[in-house]
């Protein structure tokens, strides 16, 4: 009786101005090659996230859409948000 676990990419999408990547994948549990469980997950990645441990499909999309310009826009927006939050806390 062998139990195995497999991650299978279902979909990789890109959204919005900052090219946020959404990865949908199934975790498939098999016993003696018969599927006994499938669970769908979704996760999102932003232009400054470390994706080195992600599937090749995610890396390929990120390399295509996360240009230096997009990464800078994302970093600038995040910095501006942090500064605004800090200003609001000081009120």
Protein backbone atom coordinates (compact mmCIF):
# COMPACT_ATOMS: atom_id res chain seq x y z
CA UNK A 1 0.00 0.00 0.00
CA UNK A 2 1.87 3.05 -1.32
CA UNK A 3 0.56 6.53 -0.58
CA UNK A 4 1.82 9.36 -2.77
CA UNK A 5 1.24 13.10 -2.94
CA UNK A 6 1.33 15.15 -6.15
CA UNK A 7 0.99 18.88 -6.76
CA UNK A 8 -0.56 19.67 -10.14
CA UNK A 9 -0.76 23.21 -11.56
CA UNK A 10 -4.26 23.95 -12.82
CA UNK A 11 -3.99 27.60 -13.80
CA UNK A 12 -1.60 30.57 -13.70
CA UNK A 13 -3.16 34.02 -14.22
CA UNK A 14 -1.88 37.59 -14.19
CA UNK A 15 -3.99 40.43 -12.78
CA UNK A 16 -3.89 44.18 -12.70
CA UNK A 17 -1.47 47.04 -13.07
CA UNK A 18 1.19 45.37 -10.91
CA UNK A 19 0.97 41.99 -12.66
CA UNK A 20 -0.06 40.00 -9.59
CA UNK A 21 0.26 36.28 -10.35
CA UNK A 22 -2.34 33.84 -9.08
CA UNK A 23 -1.48 30.15 -9.06
CA UNK A 24 -4.20 27.52 -8.74
CA UNK A 25 -3.07 23.98 -8.05
CA UNK A 26 -4.41 20.66 -6.81
CA UNK A 27 -2.82 18.49 -4.17
CA UNK A 28 -3.63 14.92 -5.13
CA UNK A 29 -3.25 12.06 -2.67
CA UNK A 30 -3.11 8.57 -4.16
CA UNK A 31 -3.12 5.12 -2.65
CA UNK A 32 -1.76 2.45 -4.97
CA UNK A 33 -2.28 4.87 -7.88
CA UNK A 34 -5.98 5.42 -7.02
CA UNK A 35 -6.91 9.01 -6.16
CA UNK A 36 -8.25 9.17 -2.61
CA UNK A 37 -8.19 12.96 -2.12
CA UNK A 38 -7.92 16.13 -4.19
CA UNK A 39 -7.76 19.61 -2.68
CA UNK A 40 -7.58 22.83 -4.70
CA UNK A 41 -5.42 25.73 -3.47
CA UNK A 42 -4.80 29.24 -4.75
CA UNK A 43 -1.92 31.48 -3.91
CA UNK A 44 -0.85 34.91 -5.12
CA UNK A 45 2.55 36.40 -5.80
CA UNK A 46 3.61 40.04 -6.00
CA UNK A 47 6.48 41.44 -8.07
CA UNK A 48 8.98 41.47 -5.16
CA UNK A 49 8.10 37.99 -3.82
CA UNK A 50 10.65 35.18 -3.81
CA UNK A 51 9.28 32.54 -6.18
CA UNK A 52 12.39 30.36 -6.32
CA UNK A 53 10.53 27.41 -4.75
CA UNK A 54 7.50 27.70 -7.03
CA UNK A 55 6.69 25.50 -10.05
CA UNK A 56 8.31 26.31 -13.39
CA UNK A 57 4.97 27.53 -14.78
CA UNK A 58 4.87 30.31 -12.17
CA UNK A 59 8.52 31.23 -12.70
CA UNK A 60 8.06 31.44 -16.48
CA UNK A 61 5.08 33.78 -16.16
CA UNK A 62 6.88 35.94 -13.57
CA UNK A 63 9.95 36.23 -15.78
CA UNK A 64 7.73 37.33 -18.66
CA UNK A 65 5.60 39.94 -16.86
CA UNK A 66 7.68 41.22 -13.93
CA UNK A 67 9.83 43.71 -15.75
CA UNK A 68 12.15 46.05 -13.85
CA UNK A 69 9.57 48.80 -14.43
CA UNK A 70 6.77 46.72 -12.84
CA UNK A 71 8.98 45.76 -9.88
CA UNK A 72 9.86 49.43 -9.30
CA UNK A 73 6.20 50.53 -9.55
CA UNK A 74 5.25 47.85 -7.01
CA UNK A 75 8.07 48.82 -4.62
CA UNK A 76 7.23 52.52 -4.92
CA UNK A 77 3.55 51.85 -4.23
CA UNK A 78 4.36 49.70 -1.19
CA UNK A 79 6.73 52.35 0.17
CA UNK A 80 4.08 55.06 -0.30
CA UNK A 81 1.52 52.88 1.52
CA UNK A 82 3.91 52.32 4.42
CA UNK A 83 4.58 56.06 4.69
CA UNK A 84 0.84 56.82 4.62
CA UNK A 85 0.17 54.19 7.31
CA UNK A 86 2.93 55.65 9.47
CA UNK A 87 1.51 59.15 9.02
CA UNK A 88 -1.98 57.95 10.00
CA UNK A 89 -0.67 56.20 13.14
CA UNK A 90 0.96 59.45 14.24
CA UNK A 91 -2.35 61.37 14.15
